[in-house]
C-alpha cells in the first residue's frame, strides 16, 4: 500500500517551493508522468483484452 501512496504522491505532486529548480527538471517530471500514465493505460487495455 505504501508503494501506491508514493506513486500517487508522485503523480500529483504540488509545485516545488525550492527556487533552485530549473525548467529542465520540470520538463523531465512532466515527461515521466506522461510515460507512467501511458504505461498504466496500456496495462488496462491489455488486461481488458485478455479478460475478454
PDB file of N, CA and C in Angstrom:
ATOM      1  N   UNK A   1       0.822  -1.191   0.000  1.00  0.00           N
ATOM      2  CA  UNK A   1       0.000   0.000   0.000  1.00  0.00           C
ATOM      3  C   UNK A   1       0.866   1.255   0.000  1.00  0.00           C
ATOM      4  N   UNK A   2       2.007   1.153   0.666  1.00  0.00           N
ATOM      5  CA  UNK A   2       2.920   2.298   0.732  1.00  0.00           C
ATOM      6  C   UNK A   2       3.434   2.679  -0.658  1.00  0.00           C
ATOM      7  N   UNK A   3       3.657   1.672  -1.497  1.00  0.00           N
ATOM      8  CA  UNK A   3       4.144   1.943  -2.854  1.00  0.00           C
ATOM      9  C   UNK A   3       3.096   2.705  -3.640  1.00  0.00           C
ATOM     10  N   UNK A   4       1.837   2.310  -3.518  1.00  0.00           N
ATOM     11  CA  UNK A   4       0.770   3.018  -4.231  1.00  0.00           C
ATOM     12  C   UNK A   4       0.642   4.454  -3.744  1.00  0.00           C
ATOM     13  N   UNK A   5       0.810   4.674  -2.444  1.00  0.00           N
ATOM     14  CA  UNK A   5       0.743   6.026  -1.891  1.00  0.00           C
ATOM     15  C   UNK A   5       1.877   6.896  -2.443  1.00  0.00           C
ATOM     16  N   UNK A   6       3.084   6.325  -2.504  1.00  0.00           N
ATOM     17  CA  UNK A   6       4.215   7.070  -3.049  1.00  0.00           C
ATOM     18  C   UNK A   6       4.015   7.372  -4.528  1.00  0.00           C
ATOM     19  N   UNK A   7       3.501   6.391  -5.263  1.00  0.00           N
ATOM     20  CA  UNK A   7       3.234   6.580  -6.687  1.00  0.00           C
ATOM     21  C   UNK A   7       2.197   7.678  -6.897  1.00  0.00           C
ATOM     22  N   UNK A   8       1.117   7.657  -6.137  1.00  0.00           N
ATOM     23  CA  UNK A   8       0.072   8.665  -6.242  1.00  0.00           C
ATOM     24  C   UNK A   8       0.617  10.049  -5.883  1.00  0.00           C
ATOM     25  N   UNK A   9       1.429  10.114  -4.836  1.00  0.00           N
ATOM     26  CA  UNK A   9       2.028  11.388  -4.453  1.00  0.00           C
ATOM     27  C   UNK A   9       2.945  11.915  -5.547  1.00  0.00           C
ATOM     28  N   UNK A  10       3.632  11.013  -6.236  1.00  0.00           N
ATOM     29  CA  UNK A  10       4.495  11.451  -7.327  1.00  0.00           C
ATOM     30  C   UNK A  10       3.675  12.021  -8.477  1.00  0.00           C
ATOM     31  N   UNK A  11       2.587  11.359  -8.816  1.00  0.00           N
ATOM     32  CA  UNK A  11       1.763  11.823  -9.937  1.00  0.00           C
ATOM     33  C   UNK A  11       1.047  13.129  -9.630  1.00  0.00           C
ATOM     34  N   UNK A  12       0.778  13.393  -8.365  1.00  0.00           N
ATOM     35  CA  UNK A  12       0.007  14.585  -8.002  1.00  0.00           C
ATOM     36  C   UNK A  12       0.809  15.558  -7.158  1.00  0.00           C
ATOM     37  N   UNK A  13       2.149  15.616  -7.397  1.00  0.00           N
ATOM     38  CA  UNK A  13       2.963  16.471  -6.529  1.00  0.00           C
ATOM     39  C   UNK A  13       2.629  17.945  -6.743  1.00  0.00           C
ATOM     40  N   UNK A  14       2.721  18.686  -5.663  1.00  0.00           N
ATOM     41  CA  UNK A  14       2.455  20.118  -5.694  1.00  0.00           C
ATOM     42  C   UNK A  14       3.669  20.834  -6.255  1.00  0.00           C
ATOM     43  N   UNK A  15       3.518  22.118  -6.557  1.00  0.00           N
ATOM     44  CA  UNK A  15       4.642  22.875  -7.071  1.00  0.00           C
ATOM     45  C   UNK A  15       5.752  22.908  -6.040  1.00  0.00           C
ATOM     46  N   UNK A  16       6.950  22.727  -6.525  1.00  0.00           N
ATOM     47  CA  UNK A  16       8.106  22.737  -5.637  1.00  0.00           C
ATOM     48  C   UNK A  16       8.379  24.170  -5.189  1.00  0.00           C
ATOM     49  N   UNK A  17       8.517  24.352  -3.897  1.00  0.00           N
ATOM     50  CA  UNK A  17       8.766  25.693  -3.367  1.00  0.00           C
ATOM     51  C   UNK A  17      10.242  26.049  -3.426  1.00  0.00           C
ATOM     52  N   UNK A  18      11.078  25.105  -3.839  1.00  0.00           N
ATOM     53  CA  UNK A  18      12.505  25.349  -3.956  1.00  0.00           C
ATOM     54  C   UNK A  18      12.765  26.194  -5.209  1.00  0.00           C
ATOM     55  N   UNK A  19      13.296  27.422  -5.073  1.00  0.00           N
ATOM     56  CA  UNK A  19      13.509  28.273  -6.244  1.00  0.00           C
ATOM     57  C   UNK A  19      14.669  27.830  -7.119  1.00  0.00           C
ATOM     58  N   UNK A  20      15.442  26.839  -6.695  1.00  0.00           N
ATOM     59  CA  UNK A  20      16.604  26.405  -7.457  1.00  0.00           C
ATOM     60  C   UNK A  20      16.267  25.422  -8.578  1.00  0.00           C
ATOM     61  N   UNK A  21      15.022  25.008  -8.706  1.00  0.00           N
ATOM     62  CA  UNK A  21      14.663  24.082  -9.775  1.00  0.00           C
ATOM     63  C   UNK A  21      14.623  24.836 -11.098  1.00  0.00           C
ATOM     64  N   UNK A  22      15.030  24.152 -12.150  1.00  0.00           N
ATOM     65  CA  UNK A  22      15.029  24.789 -13.458  1.00  0.00           C
ATOM     66  C   UNK A  22      13.987  24.148 -14.363  1.00  0.00           C
ATOM     67  N   UNK A  23      13.861  24.689 -15.556  1.00  0.00           N
ATOM     68  CA  UNK A  23      12.813  24.210 -16.464  1.00  0.00           C
ATOM     69  C   UNK A  23      13.094  22.791 -16.943  1.00  0.00           C
ATOM     70  N   UNK A  24      14.360  22.390 -17.015  1.00  0.00           N
ATOM     71  CA  UNK A  24      14.672  21.031 -17.457  1.00  0.00           C
ATOM     72  C   UNK A  24      14.144  19.996 -16.476  1.00  0.00           C
ATOM     73  N   UNK A  25      14.267  20.276 -15.208  1.00  0.00           N
ATOM     74  CA  UNK A  25      13.771  19.355 -14.191  1.00  0.00           C
ATOM     75  C   UNK A  25      12.246  19.258 -14.258  1.00  0.00           C
ATOM     76  N   UNK A  26      11.573  20.373 -14.430  1.00  0.00           N
ATOM     77  CA  UNK A  26      10.112  20.370 -14.536  1.00  0.00           C
ATOM     78  C   UNK A  26       9.667  19.613 -15.782  1.00  0.00           C
ATOM     79  N   UNK A  27      10.386  19.801 -16.875  1.00  0.00           N
ATOM     80  CA  UNK A  27      10.059  19.094 -18.114  1.00  0.00           C
ATOM     81  C   UNK A  27      10.264  17.594 -17.937  1.00  0.00           C
ATOM     82  N   UNK A  28      11.343  17.200 -17.275  1.00  0.00           N
ATOM     83  CA  UNK A  28      11.613  15.797 -17.042  1.00  0.00           C
ATOM     84  C   UNK A  28      10.490  15.164 -16.211  1.00  0.00           C
ATOM     85  N   UNK A  29      10.040  15.849 -15.171  1.00  0.00           N
ATOM     86  CA  UNK A  29       8.950  15.318 -14.357  1.00  0.00           C
ATOM     87  C   UNK A  29       7.666  15.193 -15.176  1.00  0.00           C
ATOM     88  N   UNK A  30       7.391  16.157 -16.036  1.00  0.00           N
ATOM     89  CA  UNK A  30       6.206  16.086 -16.886  1.00  0.00           C
ATOM     90  C   UNK A  30       6.252  14.904 -17.833  1.00  0.00           C
ATOM     91  N   UNK A  31       7.404  14.676 -18.437  1.00  0.00           N
ATOM     92  CA  UNK A  31       7.556  13.545 -19.357  1.00  0.00           C
ATOM     93  C   UNK A  31       7.430  12.227 -18.598  1.00  0.00           C
ATOM     94  N   UNK A  32       7.987  12.169 -17.392  1.00  0.00           N
ATOM     95  CA  UNK A  32       7.866  10.946 -16.590  1.00  0.00           C
ATOM     96  C   UNK A  32       6.410  10.661 -16.238  1.00  0.00           C
ATOM     97  N   UNK A  33       5.667  11.688 -15.883  1.00  0.00           N
ATOM     98  CA  UNK A  33       4.242  11.495 -15.569  1.00  0.00           C
ATOM     99  C   UNK A  33       3.488  10.981 -16.786  1.00  0.00           C
ATOM    100  N   UNK A  34       3.776  11.559 -17.941  1.00  0.00           N
ATOM    101  CA  UNK A  34       3.106  11.145 -19.162  1.00  0.00           C
ATOM    102  C   UNK A  34       3.426   9.691 -19.495  1.00  0.00           C
ATOM    103  N   UNK A  35       4.679   9.296 -19.376  1.00  0.00           N
ATOM    104  CA  UNK A  35       5.049   7.921 -19.706  1.00  0.00           C
ATOM    105  C   UNK A  35       4.434   6.922 -18.728  1.00  0.00           C
ATOM    106  N   UNK A  36       4.367   7.268 -17.456  1.00  0.00           N
ATOM    107  CA  UNK A  36       3.736   6.381 -16.476  1.00  0.00           C
ATOM    108  C   UNK A  36       2.244   6.247 -16.769  1.00  0.00           C
ATOM    109  N   UNK A  37       1.595   7.353 -17.104  1.00  0.00           N
ATOM    110  CA  UNK A  37       0.163   7.307 -17.414  1.00  0.00           C
ATOM    111  C   UNK A  37      -0.091   6.455 -18.654  1.00  0.00           C
ATOM    112  N   UNK A  38       0.736   6.602 -19.679  1.00  0.00           N
ATOM    113  CA  UNK A  38       0.575   5.798 -20.893  1.00  0.00           C
ATOM    114  C   UNK A  38       0.793   4.312 -20.598  1.00  0.00           C
ATOM    115  N   UNK A  39       1.755   3.997 -19.745  1.00  0.00           N
ATOM    116  CA  UNK A  39       2.013   2.614 -19.380  1.00  0.00           C
ATOM    117  C   UNK A  39       0.821   2.009 -18.652  1.00  0.00           C
ATOM    118  N   UNK A  40       0.234   2.759 -17.727  1.00  0.00           N
ATOM    119  CA  UNK A  40      -0.927   2.264 -16.981  1.00  0.00           C
ATOM    120  C   UNK A  40      -2.110   2.054 -17.915  1.00  0.00           C
ATOM    121  N   UNK A  41      -2.321   2.982 -18.834  1.00  0.00           N
ATOM    122  CA  UNK A  41      -3.411   2.835 -19.810  1.00  0.00           C
ATOM    123  C   UNK A  41      -3.195   1.581 -20.659  1.00  0.00           C
ATOM    124  N   UNK A  42      -1.950   1.350 -21.086  1.00  0.00           N
ATOM    125  CA  UNK A  42      -1.653   0.159 -21.885  1.00  0.00           C
ATOM    126  C   UNK A  42      -1.904  -1.116 -21.084  1.00  0.00           C
ATOM    127  N   UNK A  43      -1.543  -1.119 -19.799  1.00  0.00           N
ATOM    128  CA  UNK A  43      -1.808  -2.292 -18.967  1.00  0.00           C
ATOM    129  C   UNK A  43      -3.305  -2.552 -18.827  1.00  0.00           C
ATOM    130  N   UNK A  44      -4.070  -1.497 -18.667  1.00  0.00           N
ATOM    131  CA  UNK A  44      -5.530  -1.650 -18.558  1.00  0.00           C
ATOM    132  C   UNK A  44      -6.095  -2.218 -19.851  1.00  0.00           C
ATOM    133  N   UNK A  45      -5.625  -1.713 -20.986  1.00  0.00           N
ATOM    134  CA  UNK A  45      -6.115  -2.210 -22.279  1.00  0.00           C
ATOM    135  C   UNK A  45      -5.741  -3.681 -22.466  1.00  0.00           C
ATOM    136  N   UNK A  46      -4.514  -4.037 -22.129  1.00  0.00           N
ATOM    137  CA  UNK A  46      -4.097  -5.440 -22.243  1.00  0.00           C
ATOM    138  C   UNK A  46      -4.905  -6.349 -21.317  1.00  0.00           C
ATOM    139  N   UNK A  47      -5.152  -5.902 -20.106  1.00  0.00           N
ATOM    140  CA  UNK A  47      -5.945  -6.697 -19.177  1.00  0.00           C
ATOM    141  C   UNK A  47      -7.364  -6.865 -19.705  1.00  0.00           C
ATOM    142  N   UNK A  48      -7.926  -5.809 -20.263  1.00  0.00           N
ATOM    143  CA  UNK A  48      -9.278  -5.892 -20.820  1.00  0.00           C
ATOM    144  C   UNK A  48      -9.331  -6.886 -21.989  1.00  0.00           C
ATOM    145  N   UNK A  49      -8.323  -6.843 -22.852  1.00  0.00           N
ATOM    146  CA  UNK A  49      -8.307  -7.760 -23.997  1.00  0.00           C
ATOM    147  C   UNK A  49      -8.100  -9.210 -23.547  1.00  0.00           C
ATOM    148  N   UNK A  50      -7.296  -9.401 -22.521  1.00  0.00           N
ATOM    149  CA  UNK A  50      -7.074 -10.768 -22.037  1.00  0.00           C
ATOM    150  C   UNK A  50      -8.318 -11.337 -21.365  1.00  0.00           C
ATOM    151  N   UNK A  51      -9.017 -10.512 -20.626  1.00  0.00           N
ATOM    152  CA  UNK A  51     -10.229 -10.962 -19.957  1.00  0.00           C
ATOM    153  C   UNK A  51     -11.338 -11.208 -20.953  1.00  0.00           C
ATOM    154  N   UNK A  52     -11.441 -10.398 -21.951  1.00  0.00           N
ATOM    155  CA  UNK A  52     -12.468 -10.529 -22.970  1.00  0.00           C
ATOM    156  C   UNK A  52     -12.109 -11.661 -23.862  1.00  0.00           C
TER     157      UNK A  52
END
